[in-house]
C-alpha atoms as a PDB file:
ATOM      1  CA  UNK A   1     118.989  92.592 121.231  1.00  0.00           C
ATOM      2  CA  UNK A   2     116.189  93.216 118.752  1.00  0.00           C
ATOM      3  CA  UNK A   3     116.940  93.122 115.031  1.00  0.00           C
ATOM      4  CA  UNK A   4     115.568  95.776 112.687  1.00  0.00           C
ATOM      5  CA  UNK A   5     114.925  94.177 109.304  1.00  0.00           C
ATOM      6  CA  UNK A   6     114.089  96.444 106.379  1.00  0.00           C
ATOM      7  CA  UNK A   7     111.881  94.725 103.788  1.00  0.00           C
ATOM      8  CA  UNK A   8     110.538  96.288 100.603  1.00  0.00           C
ATOM      9  CA  UNK A   9     106.806  96.977 101.119  1.00  0.00           C
ATOM     10  CA  UNK A  10     105.753  96.047  97.574  1.00  0.00           C
ATOM     11  CA  UNK A  11     108.373  93.499  96.507  1.00  0.00           C
ATOM     12  CA  UNK A  12     109.492  91.706  99.679  1.00  0.00           C
ATOM     13  CA  UNK A  13     112.926  90.123  99.363  1.00  0.00           C
ATOM     14  CA  UNK A  14     112.459  86.353  99.630  1.00  0.00           C
ATOM     15  CA  UNK A  15     115.754  85.939 101.506  1.00  0.00           C
ATOM     16  CA  UNK A  16     114.615  88.304 104.255  1.00  0.00           C
ATOM     17  CA  UNK A  17     111.136  86.780 104.391  1.00  0.00           C
ATOM     18  CA  UNK A  18     112.682  83.331 104.864  1.00  0.00           C
ATOM     19  CA  UNK A  19     114.904  84.733 107.605  1.00  0.00           C
ATOM     20  CA  UNK A  20     111.907  86.133 109.504  1.00  0.00           C
ATOM     21  CA  UNK A  21     109.842  82.961 109.052  1.00  0.00           C
ATOM     22  CA  UNK A  22     112.708  80.822 110.350  1.00  0.00           C
ATOM     23  CA  UNK A  23     112.798  83.025 113.448  1.00  0.00           C
ATOM     24  CA  UNK A  24     109.045  82.575 113.969  1.00  0.00           C
ATOM     25  CA  UNK A  25     109.326  78.797 113.630  1.00  0.00           C
ATOM     26  CA  UNK A  26     112.098  78.869 116.246  1.00  0.00           C
ATOM     27  CA  UNK A  27     109.953  80.715 118.789  1.00  0.00           C
ATOM     28  CA  UNK A  28     110.668  84.360 118.036  1.00  0.00           C
ATOM     29  CA  UNK A  29     108.250  87.240 118.525  1.00  0.00           C
ATOM     30  CA  UNK A  30     108.253  89.700 115.635  1.00  0.00           C
ATOM     31  CA  UNK A  31     106.671  93.048 114.834  1.00  0.00           C
ATOM     32  CA  UNK A  32     105.421  93.027 111.247  1.00  0.00           C
ATOM     33  CA  UNK A  33     103.353  95.315 108.979  1.00  0.00           C
ATOM     34  CA  UNK A  34      99.718  94.735 108.052  1.00  0.00           C
ATOM     35  CA  UNK A  35      97.165  96.836 106.174  1.00  0.00           C
ATOM     36  CA  UNK A  36      96.059  98.423 109.458  1.00  0.00           C
ATOM     37  CA  UNK A  37      99.335  99.213 111.144  1.00  0.00           C
ATOM     38  CA  UNK A  38     102.019  97.113 112.788  1.00  0.00           C
ATOM     39  CA  UNK A  39     101.234  93.920 114.690  1.00  0.00           C
ATOM     40  CA  UNK A  40     102.871  91.336 116.932  1.00  0.00           C
ATOM     41  CA  UNK A  41     103.167  87.856 115.452  1.00  0.00           C
ATOM     42  CA  UNK A  42     104.420  84.443 116.531  1.00  0.00           C
ATOM     43  CA  UNK A  43     104.002  80.709 115.927  1.00  0.00           C
ATOM     44  CA  UNK A  44     100.472  79.514 116.647  1.00  0.00           C
ATOM     45  CA  UNK A  45     101.471  76.966 119.286  1.00  0.00           C
ATOM     46  CA  UNK A  46     104.019  78.931 121.318  1.00  0.00           C
ATOM     47  CA  UNK A  47     102.731  79.515 124.866  1.00  0.00           C
ATOM     48  CA  UNK A  48     105.945  81.222 126.035  1.00  0.00           C
ATOM     49  CA  UNK A  49     105.705  83.880 123.332  1.00  0.00           C
ATOM     50  CA  UNK A  50     101.968  84.299 123.928  1.00  0.00           C
ATOM     51  CA  UNK A  51     102.690  85.104 127.569  1.00  0.00           C
ATOM     52  CA  UNK A  52     105.292  87.620 126.419  1.00  0.00           C
ATOM     53  CA  UNK A  53     102.693  89.344 124.216  1.00  0.00           C
ATOM     54  CA  UNK A  54     100.291  89.553 127.176  1.00  0.00           C
ATOM     55  CA  UNK A  55     102.982  91.306 129.210  1.00  0.00           C
ATOM     56  CA  UNK A  56     103.957  93.718 126.426  1.00  0.00           C
ATOM     57  CA  UNK A  57     100.357  94.746 125.766  1.00  0.00           C
ATOM     58  CA  UNK A  58      99.091  94.304 129.346  1.00  0.00           C
ATOM     59  CA  UNK A  59      96.278  92.012 128.166  1.00  0.00           C
ATOM     60  CA  UNK A  60      93.837  90.107 130.342  1.00  0.00           C
ATOM     61  CA  UNK A  61      92.700  86.529 129.737  1.00  0.00           C
ATOM     62  CA  UNK A  62      89.542  87.670 127.930  1.00  0.00           C
ATOM     63  CA  UNK A  63      91.444  89.176 125.032  1.00  0.00           C
ATOM     64  CA  UNK A  64      90.492  87.656 121.683  1.00  0.00           C
ATOM     65  CA  UNK A  65      93.625  86.711 119.789  1.00  0.00           C
ATOM     66  CA  UNK A  66      93.663  86.493 116.002  1.00  0.00           C
ATOM     67  CA  UNK A  67      94.880  83.935 113.537  1.00  0.00           C
ATOM     68  CA  UNK A  68      96.291  85.761 110.525  1.00  0.00           C
ATOM     69  CA  UNK A  69      95.803  83.707 107.356  1.00  0.00           C
ATOM     70  CA  UNK A  70      97.121  84.024 103.803  1.00  0.00           C
ATOM     71  CA  UNK A  71      93.691  83.139 102.376  1.00  0.00           C
ATOM     72  CA  UNK A  72      90.568  81.159 103.324  1.00  0.00           C
ATOM     73  CA  UNK A  73      91.899  77.731 102.353  1.00  0.00           C
ATOM     74  CA  UNK A  74      92.424  76.727 106.012  1.00  0.00           C
ATOM     75  CA  UNK A  75      89.449  78.579 107.477  1.00  0.00           C
ATOM     76  CA  UNK A  76      87.418  75.457 108.285  1.00  0.00           C
ATOM     77  CA  UNK A  77      90.408  73.906 110.067  1.00  0.00           C
ATOM     78  CA  UNK A  78      90.440  76.612 112.742  1.00  0.00           C
ATOM     79  CA  UNK A  79      86.910  78.075 112.801  1.00  0.00           C
ATOM     80  CA  UNK A  80      83.315  76.922 112.517  1.00  0.00           C
ATOM     81  CA  UNK A  81      81.826  78.816 109.619  1.00  0.00           C
ATOM     82  CA  UNK A  82      78.415  78.601 107.949  1.00  0.00           C
ATOM     83  CA  UNK A  83      77.628  79.603 104.367  1.00  0.00           C
ATOM     84  CA  UNK A  84      76.631  83.186 105.253  1.00  0.00           C
ATOM     85  CA  UNK A  85      79.802  83.771 107.245  1.00  0.00           C
ATOM     86  CA  UNK A  86      81.971  82.264 104.531  1.00  0.00           C
ATOM     87  CA  UNK A  87      80.449  84.503 101.849  1.00  0.00           C
ATOM     88  CA  UNK A  88      80.900  87.614 103.986  1.00  0.00           C
ATOM     89  CA  UNK A  89      84.523  86.794 104.728  1.00  0.00           C
ATOM     90  CA  UNK A  90      85.309  85.809 101.143  1.00  0.00           C
ATOM     91  CA  UNK A  91      83.791  89.017  99.734  1.00  0.00           C
ATOM     92  CA  UNK A  92      85.755  91.252 102.121  1.00  0.00           C
ATOM     93  CA  UNK A  93      89.212  89.684 102.233  1.00  0.00           C
ATOM     94  CA  UNK A  94      91.987  90.450 102.060  1.00  0.00           C
ATOM     95  CA  UNK A  95      91.242  93.615 103.988  1.00  0.00           C
ATOM     96  CA  UNK A  96      91.343  95.401 107.360  1.00  0.00           C
ATOM     97  CA  UNK A  97      88.705  93.249 109.058  1.00  0.00           C
ATOM     98  CA  UNK A  98      88.879  90.741 111.906  1.00  0.00           C
ATOM     99  CA  UNK A  99      86.093  88.170 111.976  1.00  0.00           C
ATOM    100  CA  UNK A 100      85.173  86.543 115.288  1.00  0.00           C
ATOM    101  CA  UNK A 101      84.123  82.903 114.883  1.00  0.00           C
ATOM    102  CA  UNK A 102      83.679  79.823 117.035  1.00  0.00           C
ATOM    103  CA  UNK A 103      87.034  78.066 117.227  1.00  0.00           C
ATOM    104  CA  UNK A 104      87.587  74.400 116.401  1.00  0.00           C
ATOM    105  CA  UNK A 105      89.604  71.932 118.461  1.00  0.00           C
ATOM    106  CA  UNK A 106      92.629  72.718 116.280  1.00  0.00           C
ATOM    107  CA  UNK A 107      92.994  76.086 118.027  1.00  0.00           C
ATOM    108  CA  UNK A 108      94.937  75.896 121.311  1.00  0.00           C
ATOM    109  CA  UNK A 109      92.671  76.727 124.256  1.00  0.00           C
ATOM    110  CA  UNK A 110      94.995  79.514 125.383  1.00  0.00           C
ATOM    111  CA  UNK A 111      94.188  81.423 122.169  1.00  0.00           C
ATOM    112  CA  UNK A 112      90.417  81.130 122.544  1.00  0.00           C
ATOM    113  CA  UNK A 113      88.170  83.450 124.518  1.00  0.00           C
ATOM    114  CA  UNK A 114      87.891  81.557 127.841  1.00  0.00           C
ATOM    115  CA  UNK A 115      84.075  81.570 127.939  1.00  0.00           C
ATOM    116  CA  UNK A 116      82.925  82.077 124.361  1.00  0.00           C
ATOM    117  CA  UNK A 117      85.574  79.762 122.833  1.00  0.00           C
ATOM    118  CA  UNK A 118      85.983  82.142 119.911  1.00  0.00           C
ATOM    119  CA  UNK A 119      88.938  83.149 117.763  1.00  0.00           C
ATOM    120  CA  UNK A 120      89.590  86.069 115.434  1.00  0.00           C
ATOM    121  CA  UNK A 121      90.365  85.349 111.774  1.00  0.00           C
ATOM    122  CA  UNK A 122      92.065  87.887 109.542  1.00  0.00           C
ATOM    123  CA  UNK A 123      93.471  87.999 105.986  1.00  0.00           C
ATOM    124  CA  UNK A 124      95.673  91.108 105.673  1.00  0.00           C
ATOM    125  CA  UNK A 125      96.124  93.041 102.438  1.00  0.00           C
ATOM    126  CA  UNK A 126      99.848  93.619 102.850  1.00  0.00           C
ATOM    127  CA  UNK A 127     102.581  92.192 100.629  1.00  0.00           C
ATOM    128  CA  UNK A 128     105.049  91.531 103.461  1.00  0.00           C
ATOM    129  CA  UNK A 129     102.475  89.827 105.672  1.00  0.00           C
ATOM    130  CA  UNK A 130     101.246  87.749 102.735  1.00  0.00           C
ATOM    131  CA  UNK A 131     104.788  86.682 101.843  1.00  0.00           C
ATOM    132  CA  UNK A 132     105.465  85.670 105.444  1.00  0.00           C
ATOM    133  CA  UNK A 133     102.294  83.582 105.623  1.00  0.00           C
ATOM    134  CA  UNK A 134     102.982  81.892 102.309  1.00  0.00           C
ATOM    135  CA  UNK A 135     106.485  80.925 103.422  1.00  0.00           C
ATOM    136  CA  UNK A 136     105.249  79.816 106.860  1.00  0.00           C
ATOM    137  CA  UNK A 137     102.558  77.599 105.318  1.00  0.00           C
ATOM    138  CA  UNK A 138     100.104  78.048 108.192  1.00  0.00           C
ATOM    139  CA  UNK A 139      98.345  80.861 110.060  1.00  0.00           C
ATOM    140  CA  UNK A 140     100.274  83.040 112.483  1.00  0.00           C
ATOM    141  CA  UNK A 141      99.080  84.022 115.933  1.00  0.00           C
ATOM    142  CA  UNK A 142      98.763  87.795 116.005  1.00  0.00           C
ATOM    143  CA  UNK A 143      97.496  90.843 117.789  1.00  0.00           C
ATOM    144  CA  UNK A 144      97.726  94.516 116.887  1.00  0.00           C
ATOM    145  CA  UNK A 145     100.637  96.485 118.315  1.00  0.00           C
ATOM    146  CA  UNK A 146      98.968  98.859 120.732  1.00  0.00           C
ATOM    147  CA  UNK A 147     101.160  99.554 123.719  1.00  0.00           C
ATOM    148  CA  UNK A 148      99.758 100.565 127.134  1.00  0.00           C
ATOM    149  CA  UNK A 149     101.618 103.901 126.999  1.00  0.00           C
ATOM    150  CA  UNK A 150     100.552 104.632 123.414  1.00  0.00           C
ATOM    151  CA  UNK A 151      98.102 107.478 122.847  1.00  0.00           C
ATOM    152  CA  UNK A 152      94.965 106.887 120.763  1.00  0.00           C
ATOM    153  CA  UNK A 153      95.685 107.467 117.062  1.00  0.00           C
ATOM    154  CA  UNK A 154      99.417 107.748 117.803  1.00  0.00           C
ATOM    155  CA  UNK A 155     101.384 106.253 114.915  1.00  0.00           C
ATOM    156  CA  UNK A 156     104.642 104.563 115.861  1.00  0.00           C
ATOM    157  CA  UNK A 157     107.373 104.339 113.235  1.00  0.00           C
ATOM    158  CA  UNK A 158     109.464 101.140 113.112  1.00  0.00           C
ATOM    159  CA  UNK A 159     112.470 102.882 114.701  1.00  0.00           C
ATOM    160  CA  UNK A 160     110.246 104.121 117.543  1.00  0.00           C
ATOM    161  CA  UNK A 161     108.864 100.614 118.000  1.00  0.00           C
ATOM    162  CA  UNK A 162     112.444  99.335 118.170  1.00  0.00           C
ATOM    163  CA  UNK A 163     113.318 101.883 120.851  1.00  0.00           C
ATOM    164  CA  UNK A 164     110.250 100.967 122.927  1.00  0.00           C
ATOM    165  CA  UNK A 165     110.509  97.194 122.576  1.00  0.00           C
ATOM    166  CA  UNK A 166     114.259  96.619 122.240  1.00  0.00           C
ATOM    167  CA  UNK A 167     115.041  93.356 123.997  1.00  0.00           C
ATOM    168  CA  UNK A 168     111.360  92.441 124.387  1.00  0.00           C
ATOM    169  CA  UNK A 169     110.760  91.310 120.810  1.00  0.00           C
ATOM    170  CA  UNK A 170     113.203  89.480 118.564  1.00  0.00           C
ATOM    171  CA  UNK A 171     112.725  91.479 115.364  1.00  0.00           C
ATOM    172  CA  UNK A 172     110.993  94.574 114.044  1.00  0.00           C
ATOM    173  CA  UNK A 173     110.272  94.535 110.320  1.00  0.00           C
ATOM    174  CA  UNK A 174     110.485  97.970 108.758  1.00  0.00           C
ATOM    175  CA  UNK A 175     107.940  97.838 105.955  1.00  0.00           C
ATOM    176  CA  UNK A 176     107.289 101.560 105.804  1.00  0.00           C
ATOM    177  CA  UNK A 177     104.029 103.282 106.621  1.00  0.00           C
ATOM    178  CA  UNK A 178     101.126 100.832 106.571  1.00  0.00           C
ATOM    179  CA  UNK A 179      98.208 102.640 108.154  1.00  0.00           C
ATOM    180  CA  UNK A 180      97.406 103.488 111.732  1.00  0.00           C
ATOM    181  CA  UNK A 181      93.797 102.434 112.309  1.00  0.00           C
ATOM    182  CA  UNK A 182      92.898  99.117 113.934  1.00  0.00           C
ATOM    183  CA  UNK A 183      90.825  96.570 112.060  1.00  0.00           C
ATOM    184  CA  UNK A 184      87.062  96.644 112.214  1.00  0.00           C
ATOM    185  CA  UNK A 185      85.863  93.626 114.183  1.00  0.00           C
ATOM    186  CA  UNK A 186      82.838  91.651 112.975  1.00  0.00           C
ATOM    187  CA  UNK A 187      81.294  88.946 115.186  1.00  0.00           C
ATOM    188  CA  UNK A 188      79.811  86.134 113.080  1.00  0.00           C
ATOM    189  CA  UNK A 189      79.009  83.682 115.870  1.00  0.00           C
ATOM    190  CA  UNK A 190      75.268  84.386 116.053  1.00  0.00           C
ATOM    191  CA  UNK A 191      74.270  83.649 112.473  1.00  0.00           C
ATOM    192  CA  UNK A 192      74.349  87.320 111.480  1.00  0.00           C
ATOM    193  CA  UNK A 193      77.107  89.962 111.459  1.00  0.00           C
ATOM    194  CA  UNK A 194      77.468  92.094 114.589  1.00  0.00           C
ATOM    195  CA  UNK A 195      79.969  94.937 114.446  1.00  0.00           C
ATOM    196  CA  UNK A 196      82.065  94.900 117.618  1.00  0.00           C
ATOM    197  CA  UNK A 197      84.485  97.659 116.621  1.00  0.00           C
ATOM    198  CA  UNK A 198      84.056 100.343 113.988  1.00  0.00           C
ATOM    199  CA  UNK A 199      87.502 101.129 112.605  1.00  0.00           C
ATOM    200  CA  UNK A 200      89.433 100.582 109.365  1.00  0.00           C
ATOM    201  CA  UNK A 201      87.731  99.586 106.135  1.00  0.00           C
ATOM    202  CA  UNK A 202      83.988 100.043 105.630  1.00  0.00           C
ATOM    203  CA  UNK A 203      82.099  98.443 108.547  1.00  0.00           C
ATOM    204  CA  UNK A 204      78.776  99.556 107.011  1.00  0.00           C
ATOM    205  CA  UNK A 205      79.178  96.643 104.576  1.00  0.00           C
ATOM    206  CA  UNK A 206      78.127  94.376 107.450  1.00  0.00           C
ATOM    207  CA  UNK A 207      75.143  96.363 108.736  1.00  0.00           C
END
């Protein structure tokens, strides 16, 4: 049975944040709010939960997963980043952007693109997500919540998400409305920014 946990969107209750983080550490899959809609999140090293996410979203092995970070302090641990890439990321985070970078050996192979060996890096501008990451003390494996049956631009409310995923995820955090557009995706693996997906934020900043 999936729990619905209501957390204040601007002043997250520390008790509830700690409850959610404890679930993640123990192998739970949670739906949580970001600055570009709701997302699925779990512990970075949990293969069982990763497989569950693939089934929920009907993802193939080429899907680029994302590490959601509180800030850039651990960026070099998980991604290879040159000075240009670092400046671009620093100047545009937190925000609704996912940056594709070459992954380091610290990233489990199952999270990397099988051929390109890349990983997405994201720093969300959302108080609940930030509080979760601070309590967790490390990045969280994440992917946007876009269900196979979901129409383009269809916004799912937390109670609708609960109805659709009851029993398939361990918790749905109700953090209110938090946007509906996916992140813009910027590939920084070639020494210059390449926009892979035009979406939330201002992708023209990288042109």
